[in-house]
Amino acid sequence: MTTATKSVDVHCPITTAYNQWTQFEEFPKFMDGVETVRQLDDRHLHWTVRIAGVQREFDAEITEQHPDERIAWRSTGGVDQAGVVTFHQLDAENTRVTLQLEMEPEGLAEKAGEKSGLVAMAAERDMANFKEFIEARGLASGAWRGDVPREG
């Protein structure tokens, strides 16, 4: 299992950063390799991604979500992936967003990419792209403020 953790400080209030992150269908605008995300309901997403040149589709379940704090998910089929993004208020106008991603590489190309740090580089690039995206917009394109308690 490959794990990558990356943080970025964004110049926007915590609510703006969090609200934008809940707009999963807009992930292709700042995440390289993400072709589409369809939100099926409050807890379920369908992803189409391109990893190391290979297109993959998978479903994911939001396992925990608390406004202005965290969103956690895990794949439910197609690829072995899980992650959490957390939001930390630095001050009224600045937020630290931290992404932790775990992924089990499949196939020769992904395993080779794992050895070269592909997941960590992709996470770093996606976080930098999120910073640029949200700071250029200034406002979130939407919001979902529901709470998904962790099961178990």
Protein backbone atom coordinates (compact mmCIF):
# COMPACT_ATOMS: atom_id res chain seq x y z
CA MET A 1 0.00 0.00 0.00
CA THR A 2 1.37 3.40 -0.99
CA THR A 3 0.61 6.34 1.29
CA ALA A 4 1.04 10.01 0.45
CA THR A 5 0.33 12.97 2.73
CA LYS A 6 0.40 16.51 1.37
CA SER A 7 -0.72 19.85 2.81
CA VAL A 8 -1.32 23.22 1.24
CA ASP A 9 -2.20 26.56 2.81
CA VAL A 10 -4.93 28.33 0.88
CA HIS A 11 -5.89 31.97 1.15
CA CYS A 12 -9.59 31.54 1.84
CA PRO A 13 -11.78 30.90 4.89
CA ILE A 14 -12.11 27.31 6.08
CA THR A 15 -15.78 27.15 5.03
CA THR A 16 -14.91 28.15 1.45
CA ALA A 17 -12.17 25.50 1.18
CA TYR A 18 -14.38 22.80 2.69
CA ASN A 19 -17.43 23.73 0.61
CA GLN A 20 -15.41 23.54 -2.61
CA TRP A 21 -14.01 20.13 -1.68
CA THR A 22 -17.59 18.80 -1.31
CA GLN A 23 -18.15 19.55 -5.00
CA PHE A 24 -16.74 16.18 -6.07
CA GLU A 25 -17.90 16.47 -9.67
CA GLU A 26 -15.53 19.43 -10.09
CA PHE A 27 -12.43 17.40 -9.08
CA PRO A 28 -11.34 17.02 -12.74
CA LYS A 29 -10.80 20.80 -12.79
CA PHE A 30 -7.86 20.51 -10.38
CA MET A 31 -6.94 16.82 -10.07
CA ASP A 32 -4.70 15.43 -12.80
CA GLY A 33 -5.75 11.96 -13.86
CA VAL A 34 -9.35 12.36 -12.70
CA GLU A 35 -11.55 12.26 -15.77
CA THR A 36 -15.00 12.27 -14.12
CA VAL A 37 -16.61 11.96 -10.72
CA ARG A 38 -20.35 11.34 -10.46
CA GLN A 39 -22.02 11.78 -7.11
CA LEU A 40 -24.60 9.00 -6.85
CA ASP A 41 -26.03 10.05 -3.46
CA ASP A 42 -24.81 11.65 -0.20
CA ARG A 43 -22.34 8.82 0.47
CA HIS A 44 -21.46 7.27 -2.91
CA LEU A 45 -19.34 8.38 -5.86
CA HIS A 46 -18.35 6.84 -9.19
CA TRP A 47 -14.86 7.77 -10.43
CA THR A 48 -13.18 7.45 -13.81
CA VAL A 49 -9.42 8.03 -13.56
CA ARG A 50 -6.31 7.53 -15.62
CA ILE A 51 -3.46 6.06 -13.55
CA ALA A 52 -0.08 5.58 -15.23
CA GLY A 53 -1.82 5.79 -18.59
CA VAL A 54 -4.45 3.17 -17.72
CA GLN A 55 -8.11 4.15 -17.41
CA ARG A 56 -9.86 2.74 -14.33
CA GLU A 57 -13.37 3.11 -12.95
CA PHE A 58 -14.35 2.54 -9.37
CA ASP A 59 -16.96 3.34 -6.79
CA ALA A 60 -16.18 5.01 -3.49
CA GLU A 61 -18.06 5.50 -0.27
CA ILE A 62 -17.76 8.51 1.99
CA THR A 63 -17.10 6.92 5.37
CA GLU A 64 -17.04 10.11 7.43
CA GLN A 65 -17.76 13.77 6.74
CA HIS A 66 -17.97 16.68 9.15
CA PRO A 67 -18.37 20.26 7.89
CA ASP A 68 -15.20 22.36 8.04
CA GLU A 69 -13.27 19.41 9.54
CA ARG A 70 -12.84 16.29 7.41
CA ILE A 71 -14.01 14.07 4.57
CA ALA A 72 -12.92 10.41 4.51
CA TRP A 73 -13.61 7.80 1.83
CA ARG A 74 -12.69 4.34 0.63
CA SER A 75 -13.16 2.56 -2.64
CA THR A 76 -15.78 -0.16 -2.77
CA GLY A 77 -14.68 -1.79 -6.00
CA GLY A 78 -12.36 -1.42 -8.96
CA VAL A 79 -9.25 -0.14 -7.18
CA ASP A 80 -7.98 -0.35 -3.61
CA GLN A 81 -7.89 3.27 -2.43
CA ALA A 82 -8.78 5.23 0.69
CA GLY A 83 -8.17 8.76 1.86
CA VAL A 84 -9.02 11.62 4.13
CA VAL A 85 -8.85 15.37 3.64
CA THR A 86 -8.79 17.62 6.70
CA PHE A 87 -9.28 21.35 7.06
CA HIS A 88 -7.49 23.47 9.68
CA GLN A 89 -8.24 27.14 10.21
CA LEU A 90 -5.00 29.13 10.38
CA ASP A 91 -6.84 32.44 10.77
CA ALA A 92 -10.05 34.01 9.45
CA GLU A 93 -8.72 34.13 5.87
CA ASN A 94 -6.31 31.17 5.63
CA THR A 95 -6.81 27.41 5.80
CA ARG A 96 -4.48 24.42 5.77
CA VAL A 97 -5.87 21.55 3.70
CA THR A 98 -4.19 18.17 4.23
CA LEU A 99 -4.74 15.17 1.99
CA GLN A 100 -3.75 11.66 3.03
CA LEU A 101 -4.15 9.09 0.27
CA GLU A 102 -3.59 5.32 0.40
CA MET A 103 -3.55 3.29 -2.78
CA GLU A 104 -2.65 -0.26 -3.72
CA PRO A 105 -1.02 -0.20 -7.15
CA GLU A 106 -2.32 -2.65 -9.73
CA GLY A 107 -0.53 -3.79 -12.85
CA LEU A 108 3.03 -3.26 -14.00
CA ALA A 109 2.72 0.45 -14.87
CA GLU A 110 1.21 1.40 -11.50
CA LYS A 111 3.76 -0.67 -9.56
CA ALA A 112 6.57 1.04 -11.47
CA GLY A 113 4.94 4.40 -10.74
CA GLU A 114 4.79 3.55 -7.04
CA LYS A 115 8.55 2.99 -6.94
CA SER A 116 9.15 6.40 -8.53
CA GLY A 117 6.87 8.22 -6.06
CA LEU A 118 4.06 8.77 -8.55
CA VAL A 119 1.29 8.87 -5.90
CA ALA A 120 3.13 11.43 -3.75
CA MET A 121 3.90 13.60 -6.78
CA ALA A 122 0.28 13.43 -7.97
CA ALA A 123 -1.01 14.36 -4.49
CA GLU A 124 1.38 17.32 -4.30
CA ARG A 125 0.36 18.52 -7.77
CA ASP A 126 -3.37 18.12 -7.01
CA MET A 127 -3.04 20.11 -3.78
CA ALA A 128 -1.15 22.89 -5.57
CA ASN A 129 -3.86 22.87 -8.27
CA PHE A 130 -6.59 23.06 -5.61
CA LYS A 131 -4.87 26.11 -4.07
CA GLU A 132 -4.72 27.83 -7.45
CA PHE A 133 -8.31 26.83 -8.28
CA ILE A 134 -9.94 28.04 -5.04
CA GLU A 135 -7.85 31.21 -4.73
CA ALA A 136 -8.65 32.20 -8.33
CA ARG A 137 -12.38 31.61 -7.74
CA GLY A 138 -12.51 33.28 -4.34
CA LEU A 139 -15.80 31.52 -3.62
CA ALA A 140 -16.86 27.89 -3.58
CA SER A 141 -18.92 26.76 -6.56
CA GLY A 142 -21.36 25.02 -4.21
CA ALA A 143 -21.62 23.40 -0.81
CA TRP A 144 -22.87 20.31 0.93
CA ARG A 145 -22.97 20.84 4.67
CA GLY A 146 -24.37 17.45 5.67
CA ASP A 147 -22.71 15.29 8.31
CA VAL A 148 -21.78 11.64 7.71
CA PRO A 149 -20.88 9.95 11.01
CA ARG A 150 -18.23 7.25 11.01
CA GLU A 151 -19.81 3.82 11.20
CA GLY A 152 -18.79 1.21 13.71
